[in-house]
C-alpha atoms as a PDB file:
ATOM      1  CA  MET A   1      -8.781 -27.789  86.685  1.00  0.00           C
ATOM      2  CA  ALA A   2      -7.636 -31.118  88.100  1.00  0.00           C
ATOM      3  CA  TYR A   3      -8.453 -34.575  86.785  1.00  0.00           C
ATOM      4  CA  GLU A   4      -9.860 -37.240  89.105  1.00  0.00           C
ATOM      5  CA  ARG A   5     -10.624 -40.940  88.852  1.00  0.00           C
ATOM      6  CA  ILE A   6     -12.979 -42.843  91.154  1.00  0.00           C
ATOM      7  CA  MET A   7     -11.896 -46.477  91.460  1.00  0.00           C
ATOM      8  CA  GLY A   8     -13.358 -49.645  92.896  1.00  0.00           C
ATOM      9  CA  LEU A   9     -11.104 -52.619  93.654  1.00  0.00           C
ATOM     10  CA  ASP A  10     -11.425 -56.164  94.898  1.00  0.00           C
ATOM     11  CA  VAL A  11      -8.381 -56.375  97.177  1.00  0.00           C
ATOM     12  CA  ILE A  12      -7.545 -59.995  98.005  1.00  0.00           C
ATOM     13  CA  ASP A  13      -4.273 -59.400  99.920  1.00  0.00           C
ATOM     14  CA  ASP A  14      -4.335 -56.396 102.263  1.00  0.00           C
ATOM     15  CA  GLN A  15      -0.625 -56.597 103.117  1.00  0.00           C
ATOM     16  CA  GLY A  16       0.386 -56.842  99.455  1.00  0.00           C
ATOM     17  CA  TYR A  17      -1.875 -53.911  98.590  1.00  0.00           C
ATOM     18  CA  LYS A  18      -0.382 -51.891 101.460  1.00  0.00           C
ATOM     19  CA  ALA A  19       3.114 -52.626 100.082  1.00  0.00           C
ATOM     20  CA  TYR A  20       1.914 -51.457  96.650  1.00  0.00           C
ATOM     21  CA  ARG A  21       0.603 -48.174  98.068  1.00  0.00           C
ATOM     22  CA  THR A  22       3.873 -47.570  99.922  1.00  0.00           C
ATOM     23  CA  ALA A  23       6.033 -48.321  96.871  1.00  0.00           C
ATOM     24  CA  MET A  24       3.974 -46.307  94.396  1.00  0.00           C
ATOM     25  CA  MET A  25       3.436 -43.200  96.533  1.00  0.00           C
ATOM     26  CA  PRO A  26       6.711 -41.413  95.617  1.00  0.00           C
ATOM     27  CA  ILE A  27       6.018 -42.064  91.925  1.00  0.00           C
ATOM     28  CA  LEU A  28       2.444 -40.812  92.271  1.00  0.00           C
ATOM     29  CA  GLN A  29       3.640 -37.634  93.982  1.00  0.00           C
ATOM     30  CA  SER A  30       6.261 -37.017  91.284  1.00  0.00           C
ATOM     31  CA  PHE A  31       3.378 -36.749  88.775  1.00  0.00           C
ATOM     32  CA  GLY A  32       1.453 -34.384  91.048  1.00  0.00           C
ATOM     33  CA  GLY A  33      -1.016 -37.115  92.016  1.00  0.00           C
ATOM     34  CA  ALA A  34      -2.722 -37.687  95.356  1.00  0.00           C
ATOM     35  CA  PHE A  35      -5.443 -39.763  96.930  1.00  0.00           C
ATOM     36  CA  GLY A  36      -8.528 -37.846  98.056  1.00  0.00           C
ATOM     37  CA  PHE A  37     -10.811 -40.434  99.638  1.00  0.00           C
ATOM     38  CA  ASP A  38     -10.158 -44.070 100.512  1.00  0.00           C
ATOM     39  CA  PHE A  39     -12.776 -46.494 101.856  1.00  0.00           C
ATOM     40  CA  ARG A  40     -13.088 -50.166 102.737  1.00  0.00           C
ATOM     41  CA  VAL A  41     -16.490 -51.221 101.410  1.00  0.00           C
ATOM     42  CA  SER A  42     -18.558 -53.682 103.416  1.00  0.00           C
ATOM     43  CA  GLU A  43     -21.579 -53.961 101.122  1.00  0.00           C
ATOM     44  CA  VAL A  44     -22.268 -52.997  97.501  1.00  0.00           C
ATOM     45  CA  LEU A  45     -25.971 -52.398  96.933  1.00  0.00           C
ATOM     46  CA  LEU A  46     -25.901 -51.582  93.214  1.00  0.00           C
ATOM     47  CA  SER A  47     -23.172 -52.038  90.631  1.00  0.00           C
ATOM     48  CA  LYS A  48     -22.714 -51.884  86.876  1.00  0.00           C
ATOM     49  CA  THR A  49     -20.113 -54.680  86.978  1.00  0.00           C
ATOM     50  CA  GLU A  50     -19.970 -58.329  87.969  1.00  0.00           C
ATOM     51  CA  ASP A  51     -16.614 -57.679  89.693  1.00  0.00           C
ATOM     52  CA  LYS A  52     -16.547 -57.522  93.471  1.00  0.00           C
ATOM     53  CA  ILE A  53     -15.654 -54.187  95.070  1.00  0.00           C
ATOM     54  CA  ASN A  54     -14.314 -54.000  98.613  1.00  0.00           C
ATOM     55  CA  ARG A  55     -12.202 -50.853  98.287  1.00  0.00           C
ATOM     56  CA  LEU A  56     -13.195 -47.454  96.867  1.00  0.00           C
ATOM     57  CA  PHE A  57     -10.951 -44.417  96.431  1.00  0.00           C
ATOM     58  CA  THR A  58     -10.362 -41.241  94.463  1.00  0.00           C
ATOM     59  CA  ILE A  59      -7.052 -40.370  92.851  1.00  0.00           C
ATOM     60  CA  ALA A  60      -6.413 -36.921  91.392  1.00  0.00           C
ATOM     61  CA  PHE A  61      -3.814 -35.342  89.114  1.00  0.00           C
ATOM     62  CA  PRO A  62      -3.186 -31.820  87.821  1.00  0.00           C
ATOM     63  CA  SER A  63      -4.413 -32.922  84.357  1.00  0.00           C
ATOM     64  CA  GLN A  64      -5.478 -35.959  82.357  1.00  0.00           C
ATOM     65  CA  LYS A  65      -2.024 -35.990  80.747  1.00  0.00           C
ATOM     66  CA  HIS A  66      -0.381 -36.244  84.177  1.00  0.00           C
ATOM     67  CA  MET A  67      -2.674 -39.182  84.989  1.00  0.00           C
ATOM     68  CA  ASP A  68      -2.017 -40.928  81.667  1.00  0.00           C
ATOM     69  CA  ASP A  69       1.739 -40.415  82.006  1.00  0.00           C
ATOM     70  CA  PHE A  70       1.691 -41.802  85.564  1.00  0.00           C
ATOM     71  CA  PHE A  71      -0.164 -44.987  84.606  1.00  0.00           C
ATOM     72  CA  ALA A  72       2.232 -45.515  81.638  1.00  0.00           C
ATOM     73  CA  ASP A  73       5.419 -44.795  83.611  1.00  0.00           C
ATOM     74  CA  PRO A  74       7.859 -47.772  83.516  1.00  0.00           C
ATOM     75  CA  GLU A  75       8.798 -47.384  87.198  1.00  0.00           C
ATOM     76  CA  TYR A  76       5.113 -47.381  88.186  1.00  0.00           C
ATOM     77  CA  LEU A  77       4.400 -50.396  85.951  1.00  0.00           C
ATOM     78  CA  ALA A  78       7.190 -52.358  87.673  1.00  0.00           C
ATOM     79  CA  VAL A  79       5.707 -51.585  91.116  1.00  0.00           C
ATOM     80  CA  LYS A  80       2.238 -52.471  89.828  1.00  0.00           C
ATOM     81  CA  ALA A  81       3.445 -55.835  88.496  1.00  0.00           C
ATOM     82  CA  LYS A  82       5.263 -56.674  91.724  1.00  0.00           C
ATOM     83  CA  TYR A  83       2.529 -55.730  94.229  1.00  0.00           C
ATOM     84  CA  PHE A  84      -0.796 -54.661  92.713  1.00  0.00           C
ATOM     85  CA  ASP A  85      -1.286 -57.449  90.186  1.00  0.00           C
ATOM     86  CA  VAL A  86      -0.971 -60.141  92.873  1.00  0.00           C
ATOM     87  CA  SER A  87      -2.963 -58.390  95.602  1.00  0.00           C
ATOM     88  CA  VAL A  88      -5.954 -57.119  93.593  1.00  0.00           C
ATOM     89  CA  ASN A  89      -8.420 -59.475  91.914  1.00  0.00           C
ATOM     90  CA  SER A  90     -10.235 -56.845  89.836  1.00  0.00           C
ATOM     91  CA  LYS A  91     -10.447 -53.108  89.280  1.00  0.00           C
ATOM     92  CA  THR A  92     -13.358 -50.974  88.148  1.00  0.00           C
ATOM     93  CA  ILE A  93     -13.080 -47.413  86.884  1.00  0.00           C
ATOM     94  CA  ILE A  94     -16.272 -45.883  88.224  1.00  0.00           C
ATOM     95  CA  SER A  95     -15.731 -42.377  86.876  1.00  0.00           C
ATOM     96  CA  THR A  96     -13.142 -39.987  85.467  1.00  0.00           C
ATOM     97  CA  HIS A  97     -13.857 -36.281  85.468  1.00  0.00           C
ATOM     98  CA  GLU A  98     -12.429 -32.780  85.736  1.00  0.00           C
ATOM     99  CA  THR A  99     -12.659 -31.113  89.127  1.00  0.00           C
ATOM    100  CA  ASN A 100     -11.966 -27.742  90.660  1.00  0.00           C
ATOM    101  CA  PRO A 101      -8.915 -28.185  92.910  1.00  0.00           C
END
């Protein structure tokens, strides 16, 4: 079983977010993580949050532990602080669930 998260973001700086994705990708891969789907969202018809969402993606790991360890990793947190925190206005965890790889 794999573990997947569906995320919604409000990206406010596309170039900064692109730099974040580039910088974090080797770290993500070292934890066995990968993106599955990635969309730019033009219109949200129904939402359970007040936060805007203009980007939607899935991110998967071999297990929940791999995911938790990735998001707590000091190297990842440094990349996040440098690029993500200034290019993303808000983030929404839409779902986390086990999947069949």
